[in-house]
Amino acid sequence: MSAADTINAALLAALKAIISECMDYPTEPRYSSDSYLPQHLLKAAQQAVDTAAEAGVA
């Protein structure tokens, strides 16, 4: 795995964790009940993860 692949995997993992933490109905218990991300940023993060999945990166 190249350095770029390692970085991409780490960034995707971070985005997925942020999305899970801030979504209305998380798939895992939240780290904090105070977690919040504005909807437009949550949507942008989800679009980035979806785009990576479509490109075969995720």
PDB file of N, CA and C in Angstrom:
ATOM      1  N   MET A   1       0.849  -1.173   0.000  1.00  0.00           N
ATOM      2  CA  MET A   1       0.000   0.000   0.000  1.00  0.00           C
ATOM      3  C   MET A   1       0.895   1.238   0.000  1.00  0.00           C
ATOM      4  N   SER A   2       0.589   2.170  -0.895  1.00  0.00           N
ATOM      5  CA  SER A   2       1.394   3.386  -0.984  1.00  0.00           C
ATOM      6  C   SER A   2       1.039   4.357   0.135  1.00  0.00           C
ATOM      7  N   ALA A   3       1.852   5.369   0.289  1.00  0.00           N
ATOM      8  CA  ALA A   3       1.596   6.386   1.308  1.00  0.00           C
ATOM      9  C   ALA A   3       0.262   7.081   1.042  1.00  0.00           C
ATOM     10  N   ALA A   4      -0.027   7.352  -0.230  1.00  0.00           N
ATOM     11  CA  ALA A   4      -1.296   7.997  -0.580  1.00  0.00           C
ATOM     12  C   ALA A   4      -2.481   7.107  -0.213  1.00  0.00           C
ATOM     13  N   ASP A   5      -2.349   5.804  -0.443  1.00  0.00           N
ATOM     14  CA  ASP A   5      -3.416   4.872  -0.070  1.00  0.00           C
ATOM     15  C   ASP A   5      -3.624   4.853   1.438  1.00  0.00           C
ATOM     16  N   THR A   6      -2.535   4.874   2.180  1.00  0.00           N
ATOM     17  CA  THR A   6      -2.611   4.879   3.640  1.00  0.00           C
ATOM     18  C   THR A   6      -3.297   6.144   4.139  1.00  0.00           C
ATOM     19  N   ILE A   7      -2.929   7.282   3.551  1.00  0.00           N
ATOM     20  CA  ILE A   7      -3.541   8.555   3.933  1.00  0.00           C
ATOM     21  C   ILE A   7      -5.021   8.557   3.579  1.00  0.00           C
ATOM     22  N   ASN A   8      -5.369   8.101   2.379  1.00  0.00           N
ATOM     23  CA  ASN A   8      -6.773   8.049   1.970  1.00  0.00           C
ATOM     24  C   ASN A   8      -7.585   7.163   2.900  1.00  0.00           C
ATOM     25  N   ALA A   9      -7.035   6.020   3.277  1.00  0.00           N
ATOM     26  CA  ALA A   9      -7.742   5.108   4.178  1.00  0.00           C
ATOM     27  C   ALA A   9      -7.958   5.766   5.546  1.00  0.00           C
ATOM     28  N   ALA A  10      -6.955   6.479   6.035  1.00  0.00           N
ATOM     29  CA  ALA A  10      -7.078   7.154   7.327  1.00  0.00           C
ATOM     30  C   ALA A  10      -8.112   8.272   7.264  1.00  0.00           C
ATOM     31  N   LEU A  11      -8.109   9.033   6.178  1.00  0.00           N
ATOM     32  CA  LEU A  11      -9.081  10.111   6.023  1.00  0.00           C
ATOM     33  C   LEU A  11     -10.501   9.565   5.912  1.00  0.00           C
ATOM     34  N   LEU A  12     -10.685   8.490   5.168  1.00  0.00           N
ATOM     35  CA  LEU A  12     -12.004   7.878   5.051  1.00  0.00           C
ATOM     36  C   LEU A  12     -12.489   7.336   6.388  1.00  0.00           C
ATOM     37  N   ALA A  13     -11.598   6.723   7.132  1.00  0.00           N
ATOM     38  CA  ALA A  13     -11.969   6.209   8.453  1.00  0.00           C
ATOM     39  C   ALA A  13     -12.396   7.353   9.371  1.00  0.00           C
ATOM     40  N   ALA A  14     -11.673   8.460   9.310  1.00  0.00           N
ATOM     41  CA  ALA A  14     -12.019   9.619  10.136  1.00  0.00           C
ATOM     42  C   ALA A  14     -13.372  10.200   9.725  1.00  0.00           C
ATOM     43  N   LEU A  15     -13.594  10.335   8.423  1.00  0.00           N
ATOM     44  CA  LEU A  15     -14.878  10.853   7.955  1.00  0.00           C
ATOM     45  C   LEU A  15     -16.029   9.945   8.368  1.00  0.00           C
ATOM     46  N   LYS A  16     -15.846   8.648   8.244  1.00  0.00           N
ATOM     47  CA  LYS A  16     -16.893   7.699   8.624  1.00  0.00           C
ATOM     48  C   LYS A  16     -17.198   7.792  10.115  1.00  0.00           C
ATOM     49  N   ALA A  17     -16.169   7.957  10.931  1.00  0.00           N
ATOM     50  CA  ALA A  17     -16.374   8.088  12.378  1.00  0.00           C
ATOM     51  C   ALA A  17     -17.112   9.384  12.707  1.00  0.00           C
ATOM     52  N   ILE A  18     -16.754  10.463  12.035  1.00  0.00           N
ATOM     53  CA  ILE A  18     -17.420  11.750  12.247  1.00  0.00           C
ATOM     54  C   ILE A  18     -18.886  11.656  11.838  1.00  0.00           C
ATOM     55  N   ILE A  19     -19.143  11.049  10.690  1.00  0.00           N
ATOM     56  CA  ILE A  19     -20.521  10.890  10.209  1.00  0.00           C
ATOM     57  C   ILE A  19     -21.336  10.076  11.207  1.00  0.00           C
ATOM     58  N   SER A  20     -20.788   8.968  11.650  1.00  0.00           N
ATOM     59  CA  SER A  20     -21.490   8.110  12.600  1.00  0.00           C
ATOM     60  C   SER A  20     -21.767   8.837  13.909  1.00  0.00           C
ATOM     61  N   GLU A  21     -20.807   9.626  14.379  1.00  0.00           N
ATOM     62  CA  GLU A  21     -20.946  10.342  15.647  1.00  0.00           C
ATOM     63  C   GLU A  21     -22.021  11.423  15.570  1.00  0.00           C
ATOM     64  N   CYS A  22     -22.192  12.020  14.411  1.00  0.00           N
ATOM     65  CA  CYS A  22     -23.067  13.182  14.300  1.00  0.00           C
ATOM     66  C   CYS A  22     -24.416  12.906  13.641  1.00  0.00           C
ATOM     67  N   MET A  23     -24.623  11.696  13.138  1.00  0.00           N
ATOM     68  CA  MET A  23     -25.891  11.426  12.461  1.00  0.00           C
ATOM     69  C   MET A  23     -27.038  11.307  13.458  1.00  0.00           C
ATOM     70  N   ASP A  24     -28.246  11.520  12.971  1.00  0.00           N
ATOM     71  CA  ASP A  24     -29.429  11.487  13.831  1.00  0.00           C
ATOM     72  C   ASP A  24     -29.614  10.132  14.502  1.00  0.00           C
ATOM     73  N   TYR A  25     -29.388   9.071  13.763  1.00  0.00           N
ATOM     74  CA  TYR A  25     -29.559   7.722  14.294  1.00  0.00           C
ATOM     75  C   TYR A  25     -28.256   6.942  14.081  1.00  0.00           C
ATOM     76  N   PRO A  26     -27.279   7.135  14.973  1.00  0.00           N
ATOM     77  CA  PRO A  26     -25.961   6.514  14.771  1.00  0.00           C
ATOM     78  C   PRO A  26     -26.028   4.984  14.804  1.00  0.00           C
ATOM     79  N   THR A  27     -25.134   4.378  14.061  1.00  0.00           N
ATOM     80  CA  THR A  27     -25.059   2.920  14.011  1.00  0.00           C
ATOM     81  C   THR A  27     -24.314   2.350  15.218  1.00  0.00           C
ATOM     82  N   GLU A  28     -23.570   3.200  15.903  1.00  0.00           N
ATOM     83  CA  GLU A  28     -22.826   2.814  17.096  1.00  0.00           C
ATOM     84  C   GLU A  28     -23.108   3.838  18.194  1.00  0.00           C
ATOM     85  N   PRO A  29     -22.904   3.480  19.461  1.00  0.00           N
ATOM     86  CA  PRO A  29     -23.111   4.462  20.536  1.00  0.00           C
ATOM     87  C   PRO A  29     -22.215   5.683  20.334  1.00  0.00           C
ATOM     88  N   ARG A  30     -22.750   6.838  20.613  1.00  0.00           N
ATOM     89  CA  ARG A  30     -21.978   8.079  20.460  1.00  0.00           C
ATOM     90  C   ARG A  30     -20.918   8.208  21.547  1.00  0.00           C
ATOM     91  N   TYR A  31     -19.835   8.850  21.199  1.00  0.00           N
ATOM     92  CA  TYR A  31     -18.777   9.151  22.166  1.00  0.00           C
ATOM     93  C   TYR A  31     -19.280  10.203  23.144  1.00  0.00           C
ATOM     94  N   SER A  32     -20.023  11.180  22.626  1.00  0.00           N
ATOM     95  CA  SER A  32     -20.550  12.264  23.453  1.00  0.00           C
ATOM     96  C   SER A  32     -21.957  12.610  22.988  1.00  0.00           C
ATOM     97  N   SER A  33     -22.839  12.859  23.925  1.00  0.00           N
ATOM     98  CA  SER A  33     -24.204  13.252  23.554  1.00  0.00           C
ATOM     99  C   SER A  33     -24.245  14.680  23.029  1.00  0.00           C
ATOM    100  N   ASP A  34     -23.162  15.415  23.173  1.00  0.00           N
ATOM    101  CA  ASP A  34     -23.089  16.795  22.693  1.00  0.00           C
ATOM    102  C   ASP A  34     -22.572  16.904  21.260  1.00  0.00           C
ATOM    103  N   SER A  35     -22.291  15.793  20.617  1.00  0.00           N
ATOM    104  CA  SER A  35     -21.733  15.826  19.265  1.00  0.00           C
ATOM    105  C   SER A  35     -22.704  16.496  18.300  1.00  0.00           C
ATOM    106  N   TYR A  36     -22.163  17.385  17.491  1.00  0.00           N
ATOM    107  CA  TYR A  36     -22.985  18.100  16.517  1.00  0.00           C
ATOM    108  C   TYR A  36     -22.120  18.530  15.354  1.00  0.00           C
ATOM    109  N   LEU A  37     -22.675  18.444  14.173  1.00  0.00           N
ATOM    110  CA  LEU A  37     -22.045  18.959  12.966  1.00  0.00           C
ATOM    111  C   LEU A  37     -23.172  19.525  12.123  1.00  0.00           C
ATOM    112  N   PRO A  38     -23.031  20.745  11.612  1.00  0.00           N
ATOM    113  CA  PRO A  38     -24.098  21.301  10.780  1.00  0.00           C
ATOM    114  C   PRO A  38     -24.421  20.354   9.616  1.00  0.00           C
ATOM    115  N   GLN A  39     -25.690  20.317   9.246  1.00  0.00           N
ATOM    116  CA  GLN A  39     -26.149  19.393   8.209  1.00  0.00           C
ATOM    117  C   GLN A  39     -25.368  19.519   6.912  1.00  0.00           C
ATOM    118  N   HIS A  40     -25.009  20.734   6.503  1.00  0.00           N
ATOM    119  CA  HIS A  40     -24.303  20.885   5.226  1.00  0.00           C
ATOM    120  C   HIS A  40     -22.906  20.253   5.288  1.00  0.00           C
ATOM    121  N   LEU A  41     -22.274  20.274   6.454  1.00  0.00           N
ATOM    122  CA  LEU A  41     -20.961  19.644   6.582  1.00  0.00           C
ATOM    123  C   LEU A  41     -21.085  18.127   6.688  1.00  0.00           C
ATOM    124  N   LEU A  42     -22.106  17.673   7.371  1.00  0.00           N
ATOM    125  CA  LEU A  42     -22.363  16.239   7.458  1.00  0.00           C
ATOM    126  C   LEU A  42     -22.664  15.676   6.073  1.00  0.00           C
ATOM    127  N   LYS A  43     -23.454  16.399   5.300  1.00  0.00           N
ATOM    128  CA  LYS A  43     -23.782  15.975   3.931  1.00  0.00           C
ATOM    129  C   LYS A  43     -22.524  15.951   3.051  1.00  0.00           C
ATOM    130  N   ALA A  44     -21.672  16.954   3.188  1.00  0.00           N
ATOM    131  CA  ALA A  44     -20.433  17.005   2.404  1.00  0.00           C
ATOM    132  C   ALA A  44     -19.520  15.833   2.747  1.00  0.00           C
ATOM    133  N   ALA A  45     -19.444  15.500   4.028  1.00  0.00           N
ATOM    134  CA  ALA A  45     -18.619  14.363   4.445  1.00  0.00           C
ATOM    135  C   ALA A  45     -19.175  13.060   3.871  1.00  0.00           C
ATOM    136  N   GLN A  46     -20.496  12.903   3.910  1.00  0.00           N
ATOM    137  CA  GLN A  46     -21.116  11.696   3.370  1.00  0.00           C
ATOM    138  C   GLN A  46     -20.910  11.605   1.869  1.00  0.00           C
ATOM    139  N   GLN A  47     -21.003  12.717   1.161  1.00  0.00           N
ATOM    140  CA  GLN A  47     -20.767  12.728  -0.282  1.00  0.00           C
ATOM    141  C   GLN A  47     -19.328  12.336  -0.603  1.00  0.00           C
ATOM    142  N   ALA A  48     -18.381  12.794   0.210  1.00  0.00           N
ATOM    143  CA  ALA A  48     -16.975  12.417  -0.007  1.00  0.00           C
ATOM    144  C   ALA A  48     -16.781  10.918   0.176  1.00  0.00           C
ATOM    145  N   VAL A  49     -17.405  10.344   1.199  1.00  0.00           N
ATOM    146  CA  VAL A  49     -17.301   8.896   1.424  1.00  0.00           C
ATOM    147  C   VAL A  49     -17.964   8.133   0.286  1.00  0.00           C
ATOM    148  N   ASP A  50     -19.128   8.603  -0.160  1.00  0.00           N
ATOM    149  CA  ASP A  50     -19.822   7.952  -1.267  1.00  0.00           C
ATOM    150  C   ASP A  50     -19.012   8.025  -2.554  1.00  0.00           C
ATOM    151  N   THR A  51     -18.399   9.156  -2.812  1.00  0.00           N
ATOM    152  CA  THR A  51     -17.573   9.332  -4.013  1.00  0.00           C
ATOM    153  C   THR A  51     -16.374   8.389  -3.968  1.00  0.00           C
ATOM    154  N   ALA A  52     -15.758   8.260  -2.799  1.00  0.00           N
ATOM    155  CA  ALA A  52     -14.634   7.344  -2.666  1.00  0.00           C
ATOM    156  C   ALA A  52     -15.072   5.910  -2.902  1.00  0.00           C
ATOM    157  N   ALA A  53     -16.248   5.547  -2.404  1.00  0.00           N
ATOM    158  CA  ALA A  53     -16.762   4.190  -2.608  1.00  0.00           C
ATOM    159  C   ALA A  53     -17.027   3.930  -4.093  1.00  0.00           C
ATOM    160  N   GLU A  54     -17.594   4.907  -4.781  1.00  0.00           N
ATOM    161  CA  GLU A  54     -17.849   4.759  -6.208  1.00  0.00           C
ATOM    162  C   GLU A  54     -16.561   4.613  -7.004  1.00  0.00           C
ATOM    163  N   ALA A  55     -15.502   5.247  -6.522  1.00  0.00           N
ATOM    164  CA  ALA A  55     -14.202   5.194  -7.196  1.00  0.00           C
ATOM    165  C   ALA A  55     -13.416   3.937  -6.797  1.00  0.00           C
ATOM    166  N   GLY A  56     -13.989   3.156  -5.880  1.00  0.00           N
ATOM    167  CA  GLY A  56     -13.318   1.937  -5.453  1.00  0.00           C
ATOM    168  C   GLY A  56     -12.253   2.162  -4.408  1.00  0.00           C
ATOM    169  N   VAL A  57     -12.272   3.308  -3.760  1.00  0.00           N
ATOM    170  CA  VAL A  57     -11.266   3.627  -2.752  1.00  0.00           C
ATOM    171  C   VAL A  57     -11.684   3.134  -1.376  1.00  0.00           C
ATOM    172  N   ALA A  58     -12.972   3.204  -1.104  1.00  0.00           N
ATOM    173  CA  ALA A  58     -13.471   2.841   0.238  1.00  0.00           C
ATOM    174  C   ALA A  58     -13.566   1.344   0.405  1.00  0.00           C
TER     175      ALA A  58
END
